[in-house]
Amino acid sequence: MILRVILLLSLASLVLHSHSAETPKPGSPDRKAILDALRVPVQKEIGFPVIFRVSHLKVKDNWAFLKGQPRTKDDKPIDYSKTPLDEEARTADELLVAVLKKTDGRWRVVEHAIFTTDVWWHGIHERLGAPAEIFDYSDS
């Protein structure tokens, strides 16, 4: 009887664990695919190649939420005065926020912003149908 209880608890733990949001490890194929998908619109906005310094990345049920900063290819802060985002850089905080969805085996950017003056993504999971546990609602 005790063995059955232990077995059931172990199975329940596995089921719960498999459904929790995860952070893809640096260098993992999923993380690379997410960052590469995000790189396309961000580089288009900024005007040159970038890398990302990620502060938050959670994935669940083919949804991803990321917070971080775009950086130059040599990992330096971006001088936005030399980009089309000069005005935004002077009036808002640099915080890259993005929601992505994996469809047909590919990550696609659903919404993103490089500069923000508020937590615009608050409650977005309800509108998009994304899992709430991937989101970080702090403003940094």
N, C-alpha and C. Protein backbone atom coordinates (compact mmCIF):
# COMPACT_ATOMS: atom_id res chain seq x y z
N MET A 1 0.82 -1.20 0.00
CA MET A 1 0.00 0.00 0.00
C MET A 1 0.86 1.26 0.00
N ILE A 2 1.86 1.31 0.86
CA ILE A 2 2.75 2.47 0.92
C ILE A 2 3.48 2.63 -0.41
N LEU A 3 3.87 1.52 -1.00
CA LEU A 3 4.55 1.56 -2.29
C LEU A 3 3.65 2.18 -3.37
N ARG A 4 2.37 1.84 -3.35
CA ARG A 4 1.43 2.42 -4.32
C ARG A 4 1.29 3.93 -4.12
N VAL A 5 1.21 4.37 -2.88
CA VAL A 5 1.10 5.80 -2.58
C VAL A 5 2.35 6.53 -3.08
N ILE A 6 3.51 5.97 -2.81
CA ILE A 6 4.76 6.58 -3.27
C ILE A 6 4.79 6.64 -4.80
N LEU A 7 4.37 5.57 -5.43
CA LEU A 7 4.34 5.53 -6.89
C LEU A 7 3.37 6.58 -7.45
N LEU A 8 2.19 6.68 -6.87
CA LEU A 8 1.22 7.68 -7.32
C LEU A 8 1.73 9.10 -7.12
N LEU A 9 2.35 9.37 -5.98
CA LEU A 9 2.91 10.69 -5.73
C LEU A 9 4.04 11.01 -6.70
N SER A 10 4.85 10.02 -7.01
CA SER A 10 5.94 10.21 -7.97
C SER A 10 5.39 10.53 -9.35
N LEU A 11 4.37 9.81 -9.77
CA LEU A 11 3.75 10.06 -11.07
C LEU A 11 3.10 11.44 -11.12
N ALA A 12 2.42 11.81 -10.05
CA ALA A 12 1.80 13.13 -9.98
C ALA A 12 2.85 14.22 -10.06
N SER A 13 3.98 14.02 -9.41
CA SER A 13 5.07 14.98 -9.45
C SER A 13 5.62 15.12 -10.86
N LEU A 14 5.77 14.02 -11.56
CA LEU A 14 6.25 14.06 -12.95
C LEU A 14 5.28 14.81 -13.85
N VAL A 15 4.00 14.56 -13.68
CA VAL A 15 2.99 15.23 -14.49
C VAL A 15 3.00 16.73 -14.23
N LEU A 16 3.06 17.12 -12.97
CA LEU A 16 3.09 18.54 -12.63
C LEU A 16 4.35 19.20 -13.15
N HIS A 17 5.48 18.51 -13.01
CA HIS A 17 6.75 19.07 -13.47
C HIS A 17 6.76 19.25 -14.98
N SER A 18 6.20 18.31 -15.70
CA SER A 18 6.22 18.39 -17.16
C SER A 18 5.33 19.52 -17.68
N HIS A 19 4.45 20.04 -16.87
CA HIS A 19 3.56 21.11 -17.31
C HIS A 19 3.97 22.48 -16.79
N SER A 20 5.11 22.57 -16.13
CA SER A 20 5.52 23.87 -15.62
C SER A 20 6.34 24.62 -16.67
N ALA A 21 6.36 25.93 -16.55
CA ALA A 21 7.15 26.75 -17.47
C ALA A 21 8.63 26.48 -17.25
N GLU A 22 9.38 26.49 -18.33
CA GLU A 22 10.81 26.20 -18.25
C GLU A 22 11.61 27.32 -18.90
N THR A 23 12.86 27.44 -18.47
CA THR A 23 13.80 28.37 -19.08
C THR A 23 14.79 27.57 -19.92
N PRO A 24 14.76 27.73 -21.24
CA PRO A 24 15.73 27.01 -22.07
C PRO A 24 17.16 27.44 -21.71
N LYS A 25 18.04 26.47 -21.60
CA LYS A 25 19.42 26.75 -21.23
C LYS A 25 20.15 27.50 -22.35
N PRO A 26 21.10 28.38 -21.97
CA PRO A 26 21.91 29.04 -22.99
C PRO A 26 22.56 27.99 -23.91
N GLY A 27 22.48 28.24 -25.20
CA GLY A 27 23.05 27.33 -26.19
C GLY A 27 22.12 26.23 -26.64
N SER A 28 20.97 26.08 -25.98
CA SER A 28 20.03 25.02 -26.37
C SER A 28 19.36 25.38 -27.70
N PRO A 29 18.95 24.38 -28.47
CA PRO A 29 18.30 24.67 -29.76
C PRO A 29 17.05 25.54 -29.62
N ASP A 30 16.24 25.30 -28.59
CA ASP A 30 15.02 26.09 -28.42
C ASP A 30 15.34 27.56 -28.13
N ARG A 31 16.29 27.79 -27.24
CA ARG A 31 16.68 29.17 -26.91
C ARG A 31 17.23 29.87 -28.15
N LYS A 32 18.09 29.19 -28.88
CA LYS A 32 18.66 29.77 -30.10
C LYS A 32 17.56 30.12 -31.10
N ALA A 33 16.59 29.23 -31.27
CA ALA A 33 15.49 29.47 -32.22
C ALA A 33 14.64 30.67 -31.78
N ILE A 34 14.39 30.79 -30.49
CA ILE A 34 13.61 31.92 -29.96
C ILE A 34 14.35 33.24 -30.21
N LEU A 35 15.64 33.26 -29.86
CA LEU A 35 16.42 34.49 -30.04
C LEU A 35 16.59 34.84 -31.52
N ASP A 36 16.77 33.84 -32.36
CA ASP A 36 16.90 34.10 -33.80
C ASP A 36 15.61 34.67 -34.38
N ALA A 37 14.47 34.16 -33.92
CA ALA A 37 13.18 34.69 -34.39
C ALA A 37 13.01 36.14 -33.97
N LEU A 38 13.40 36.45 -32.75
CA LEU A 38 13.27 37.82 -32.24
C LEU A 38 14.28 38.77 -32.89
N ARG A 39 15.42 38.23 -33.25
CA ARG A 39 16.48 39.05 -33.84
C ARG A 39 16.02 39.75 -35.13
N VAL A 40 15.17 39.09 -35.91
CA VAL A 40 14.73 39.64 -37.20
C VAL A 40 14.04 41.01 -37.03
N PRO A 41 12.96 41.12 -36.26
CA PRO A 41 12.33 42.44 -36.14
C PRO A 41 13.16 43.46 -35.36
N VAL A 42 13.93 42.99 -34.38
CA VAL A 42 14.73 43.93 -33.58
C VAL A 42 15.84 44.54 -34.44
N GLN A 43 16.53 43.72 -35.22
CA GLN A 43 17.58 44.24 -36.10
C GLN A 43 17.00 45.19 -37.15
N LYS A 44 15.81 44.89 -37.61
CA LYS A 44 15.16 45.77 -38.59
C LYS A 44 14.88 47.14 -37.96
N GLU A 45 14.43 47.15 -36.72
CA GLU A 45 14.14 48.42 -36.03
C GLU A 45 15.40 49.21 -35.71
N ILE A 46 16.43 48.50 -35.23
CA ILE A 46 17.65 49.17 -34.79
C ILE A 46 18.54 49.54 -35.98
N GLY A 47 18.59 48.67 -36.97
CA GLY A 47 19.35 48.97 -38.17
C GLY A 47 20.69 48.28 -38.29
N PHE A 48 21.02 47.40 -37.35
CA PHE A 48 22.27 46.63 -37.45
C PHE A 48 22.16 45.36 -36.61
N PRO A 49 23.10 44.40 -36.81
CA PRO A 49 23.04 43.13 -36.09
C PRO A 49 23.15 43.30 -34.57
N VAL A 50 22.41 42.47 -33.85
CA VAL A 50 22.40 42.53 -32.38
C VAL A 50 22.50 41.14 -31.78
N ILE A 51 22.90 41.13 -30.51
CA ILE A 51 22.76 39.95 -29.67
C ILE A 51 21.84 40.37 -28.53
N PHE A 52 21.47 39.42 -27.68
CA PHE A 52 20.57 39.75 -26.58
C PHE A 52 21.17 39.36 -25.24
N ARG A 53 21.00 40.24 -24.27
CA ARG A 53 21.29 39.91 -22.88
C ARG A 53 19.94 39.62 -22.25
N VAL A 54 19.68 38.36 -21.97
CA VAL A 54 18.36 37.90 -21.51
C VAL A 54 18.30 37.93 -19.99
N SER A 55 17.28 38.59 -19.45
CA SER A 55 17.07 38.60 -17.99
C SER A 55 15.93 37.67 -17.57
N HIS A 56 15.04 37.36 -18.51
CA HIS A 56 13.91 36.46 -18.22
C HIS A 56 13.50 35.77 -19.51
N LEU A 57 13.40 34.46 -19.46
CA LEU A 57 12.89 33.70 -20.60
C LEU A 57 12.19 32.46 -20.05
N LYS A 58 10.91 32.37 -20.31
CA LYS A 58 10.12 31.21 -19.89
C LYS A 58 9.34 30.69 -21.09
N VAL A 59 9.23 29.37 -21.17
CA VAL A 59 8.54 28.70 -22.27
C VAL A 59 7.57 27.68 -21.70
N LYS A 60 6.38 27.64 -22.30
CA LYS A 60 5.39 26.61 -21.94
C LYS A 60 4.36 26.53 -23.06
N ASP A 61 3.98 25.31 -23.40
CA ASP A 61 2.90 25.06 -24.37
C ASP A 61 3.08 25.86 -25.66
N ASN A 62 4.29 25.87 -26.19
CA ASN A 62 4.60 26.57 -27.45
C ASN A 62 4.47 28.09 -27.37
N TRP A 63 4.54 28.63 -26.17
CA TRP A 63 4.56 30.08 -25.95
C TRP A 63 5.86 30.44 -25.24
N ALA A 64 6.42 31.60 -25.54
CA ALA A 64 7.62 32.08 -24.86
C ALA A 64 7.44 33.56 -24.51
N PHE A 65 8.00 33.94 -23.37
CA PHE A 65 8.02 35.34 -22.96
C PHE A 65 9.45 35.67 -22.59
N LEU A 66 9.94 36.78 -23.14
CA LEU A 66 11.33 37.18 -22.94
C LEU A 66 11.42 38.64 -22.52
N LYS A 67 12.35 38.89 -21.59
CA LYS A 67 12.72 40.26 -21.23
C LYS A 67 14.24 40.33 -21.29
N GLY A 68 14.75 41.43 -21.77
CA GLY A 68 16.20 41.58 -21.85
C GLY A 68 16.59 42.88 -22.51
N GLN A 69 17.82 42.89 -23.03
CA GLN A 69 18.33 44.07 -23.71
C GLN A 69 19.03 43.66 -24.99
N PRO A 70 18.76 44.36 -26.09
CA PRO A 70 19.58 44.15 -27.27
C PRO A 70 20.95 44.80 -27.04
N ARG A 71 21.98 44.18 -27.57
CA ARG A 71 23.35 44.68 -27.43
C ARG A 71 24.03 44.62 -28.80
N THR A 72 25.13 45.33 -28.95
CA THR A 72 25.89 45.22 -30.19
C THR A 72 26.48 43.82 -30.27
N LYS A 73 26.95 43.43 -31.45
CA LYS A 73 27.54 42.10 -31.64
C LYS A 73 28.70 41.84 -30.68
N ASP A 74 29.42 42.90 -30.25
CA ASP A 74 30.52 42.72 -29.30
C ASP A 74 30.07 42.97 -27.86
N ASP A 75 28.76 42.81 -27.62
CA ASP A 75 28.15 42.87 -26.28
C ASP A 75 28.34 44.22 -25.58
N LYS A 76 28.22 45.28 -26.34
CA LYS A 76 28.29 46.63 -25.78
C LYS A 76 26.89 47.26 -25.83
N PRO A 77 26.63 48.24 -24.94
CA PRO A 77 25.35 48.94 -25.01
C PRO A 77 25.18 49.62 -26.37
N ILE A 78 23.96 49.71 -26.83
CA ILE A 78 23.68 50.32 -28.12
C ILE A 78 23.57 51.83 -27.97
N ASP A 79 24.23 52.55 -28.86
CA ASP A 79 24.11 54.01 -28.91
C ASP A 79 22.91 54.31 -29.80
N TYR A 80 21.78 54.51 -29.17
CA TYR A 80 20.54 54.70 -29.93
C TYR A 80 20.48 56.03 -30.67
N SER A 81 21.38 56.96 -30.36
CA SER A 81 21.38 58.24 -31.09
C SER A 81 21.72 58.03 -32.56
N LYS A 82 22.30 56.89 -32.87
CA LYS A 82 22.66 56.58 -34.26
C LYS A 82 21.67 55.60 -34.90
N THR A 83 20.48 55.51 -34.32
CA THR A 83 19.46 54.58 -34.82
C THR A 83 18.13 55.31 -35.02
N PRO A 84 17.19 54.67 -35.69
CA PRO A 84 15.85 55.25 -35.81
C PRO A 84 15.10 55.34 -34.48
N LEU A 85 15.65 54.74 -33.42
CA LEU A 85 14.98 54.72 -32.12
C LEU A 85 15.50 55.80 -31.17
N ASP A 86 16.17 56.79 -31.71
CA ASP A 86 16.76 57.85 -30.90
C ASP A 86 15.75 58.51 -29.97
N GLU A 87 14.59 58.89 -30.49
CA GLU A 87 13.57 59.57 -29.68
C GLU A 87 13.06 58.67 -28.55
N GLU A 88 12.75 57.41 -28.85
CA GLU A 88 12.27 56.48 -27.83
C GLU A 88 13.32 56.29 -26.74
N ALA A 89 14.58 56.25 -27.13
CA ALA A 89 15.66 56.04 -26.17
C ALA A 89 15.76 57.18 -25.17
N ARG A 90 15.34 58.36 -25.57
CA ARG A 90 15.40 59.51 -24.67
C ARG A 90 14.19 59.62 -23.75
N THR A 91 13.11 58.90 -24.06
CA THR A 91 11.87 59.07 -23.28
C THR A 91 11.39 57.82 -22.56
N ALA A 92 12.04 56.68 -22.78
CA ALA A 92 11.55 55.44 -22.16
C ALA A 92 12.73 54.58 -21.73
N ASP A 93 12.43 53.58 -20.94
CA ASP A 93 13.45 52.64 -20.48
C ASP A 93 13.75 51.61 -21.55
N GLU A 94 15.04 51.30 -21.71
CA GLU A 94 15.41 50.23 -22.63
C GLU A 94 15.11 48.89 -21.96
N LEU A 95 14.08 48.25 -22.42
CA LEU A 95 13.71 46.94 -21.92
C LEU A 95 13.02 46.21 -23.07
N LEU A 96 13.73 45.26 -23.63
CA LEU A 96 13.15 44.46 -24.70
C LEU A 96 12.19 43.46 -24.08
N VAL A 97 10.96 43.48 -24.53
CA VAL A 97 9.93 42.55 -24.06
C VAL A 97 9.32 41.91 -25.29
N ALA A 98 9.17 40.58 -25.25
CA ALA A 98 8.62 39.90 -26.43
C ALA A 98 7.80 38.69 -26.04
N VAL A 99 6.74 38.47 -26.80
CA VAL A 99 5.91 37.27 -26.70
C VAL A 99 6.06 36.54 -28.03
N LEU A 100 6.39 35.26 -27.95
CA LEU A 100 6.55 34.46 -29.16
C LEU A 100 5.69 33.22 -29.07
N LYS A 101 5.32 32.68 -30.23
CA LYS A 101 4.53 31.45 -30.29
C LYS A 101 5.16 30.53 -31.33
N LYS A 102 5.24 29.28 -30.97
CA LYS A 102 5.78 28.27 -31.89
C LYS A 102 4.64 27.65 -32.67
N THR A 103 4.66 27.85 -33.99
CA THR A 103 3.65 27.26 -34.87
C THR A 103 4.36 26.60 -36.04
N ASP A 104 3.86 25.45 -36.43
CA ASP A 104 4.47 24.69 -37.52
C ASP A 104 5.97 24.49 -37.30
N GLY A 105 6.36 24.29 -36.04
CA GLY A 105 7.75 24.01 -35.71
C GLY A 105 8.67 25.22 -35.70
N ARG A 106 8.13 26.44 -35.87
CA ARG A 106 8.96 27.65 -35.90
C ARG A 106 8.46 28.67 -34.89
N TRP A 107 9.41 29.34 -34.24
CA TRP A 107 9.06 30.42 -33.32
C TRP A 107 8.79 31.68 -34.11
N ARG A 108 7.70 32.36 -33.76
CA ARG A 108 7.32 33.61 -34.42
C ARG A 108 7.01 34.66 -33.35
N VAL A 109 7.43 35.87 -33.61
CA VAL A 109 7.18 36.97 -32.68
C VAL A 109 5.72 37.40 -32.82
N VAL A 110 5.00 37.37 -31.70
CA VAL A 110 3.60 37.81 -31.68
C VAL A 110 3.54 39.30 -31.37
N GLU A 111 4.25 39.72 -30.33
CA GLU A 111 4.33 41.14 -29.96
C GLU A 111 5.69 41.39 -29.33
N HIS A 112 6.20 42.59 -29.53
CA HIS A 112 7.46 42.96 -28.89
C HIS A 112 7.58 44.48 -28.81
N ALA A 113 8.44 44.93 -27.92
CA ALA A 113 8.78 46.35 -27.81
C ALA A 113 10.18 46.45 -27.23
N ILE A 114 10.95 47.40 -27.74
CA ILE A 114 12.31 47.60 -27.23
C ILE A 114 12.31 48.62 -26.10
N PHE A 115 11.45 49.60 -26.19
CA PHE A 115 11.35 50.62 -25.14
C PHE A 115 9.95 50.60 -24.56
N THR A 116 9.87 50.81 -23.26
CA THR A 116 8.56 50.78 -22.62
C THR A 116 8.50 51.78 -21.47
N THR A 117 7.36 52.37 -21.30
CA THR A 117 7.14 53.29 -20.19
C THR A 117 6.21 52.69 -19.14
N ASP A 118 5.68 51.51 -19.44
CA ASP A 118 4.79 50.83 -18.50
C ASP A 118 4.86 49.32 -18.74
N VAL A 119 4.12 48.58 -17.97
CA VAL A 119 4.07 47.12 -18.10
C VAL A 119 2.93 46.78 -19.06
N TRP A 120 3.15 47.05 -20.35
CA TRP A 120 2.10 46.88 -21.37
C TRP A 120 1.66 45.44 -21.53
N TRP A 121 2.48 44.50 -21.12
CA TRP A 121 2.16 43.09 -21.29
C TRP A 121 1.31 42.53 -20.15
N HIS A 122 0.96 43.37 -19.18
CA HIS A 122 0.14 42.88 -18.07
C HIS A 122 -1.22 42.41 -18.59
N GLY A 123 -1.57 41.18 -18.32
CA GLY A 123 -2.84 40.62 -18.76
C GLY A 123 -2.86 40.14 -20.20
N ILE A 124 -1.74 40.25 -20.89
CA ILE A 124 -1.71 39.86 -22.31
C ILE A 124 -1.97 38.37 -22.49
N HIS A 125 -1.64 37.59 -21.47
CA HIS A 125 -1.86 36.14 -21.59
C HIS A 125 -3.34 35.81 -21.81
N GLU A 126 -4.22 36.60 -21.21
CA GLU A 126 -5.66 36.36 -21.40
C GLU A 126 -6.09 36.65 -22.84
N ARG A 127 -5.59 37.74 -23.39
CA ARG A 127 -5.95 38.11 -24.76
C ARG A 127 -5.39 37.11 -25.78
N LEU A 128 -4.16 36.64 -25.54
CA LEU A 128 -3.51 35.75 -26.49
C LEU A 128 -3.79 34.27 -26.24
N GLY A 129 -4.24 33.95 -25.03
CA GLY A 129 -4.43 32.54 -24.68
C GLY A 129 -3.13 31.85 -24.31
N ALA A 130 -2.15 32.63 -23.88
CA ALA A 130 -0.84 32.10 -23.48
C ALA A 130 -0.86 31.75 -22.00
N PRO A 131 -0.02 30.81 -21.57
CA PRO A 131 0.02 30.45 -20.15
C PRO A 131 0.57 31.59 -19.29
N ALA A 132 -0.15 31.94 -18.25
CA ALA A 132 0.21 33.07 -17.39
C ALA A 132 1.57 32.88 -16.73
N GLU A 133 1.97 31.64 -16.44
CA GLU A 133 3.20 31.42 -15.68
C GLU A 133 4.48 31.73 -16.44
N ILE A 134 4.42 32.00 -17.74
CA ILE A 134 5.65 32.38 -18.45
C ILE A 134 5.96 33.86 -18.28
N PHE A 135 4.99 34.66 -17.85
CA PHE A 135 5.15 36.11 -17.82
C PHE A 135 5.76 36.60 -16.51
N ASP A 136 6.58 37.64 -16.64
CA ASP A 136 7.16 38.35 -15.51
C ASP A 136 6.59 39.77 -15.58
N TYR A 137 5.82 40.15 -14.58
CA TYR A 137 5.14 41.43 -14.62
C TYR A 137 5.88 42.56 -13.92
N SER A 138 7.12 42.31 -13.51
CA SER A 138 7.91 43.42 -12.97
C SER A 138 8.31 44.32 -14.13
N ASP A 139 8.68 45.54 -13.83
CA ASP A 139 9.01 46.48 -14.91
C ASP A 139 10.50 46.56 -15.19
N SER A 140 11.23 45.55 -14.80
CA SER A 140 12.67 45.54 -15.11
C SER A 140 13.12 44.15 -15.47
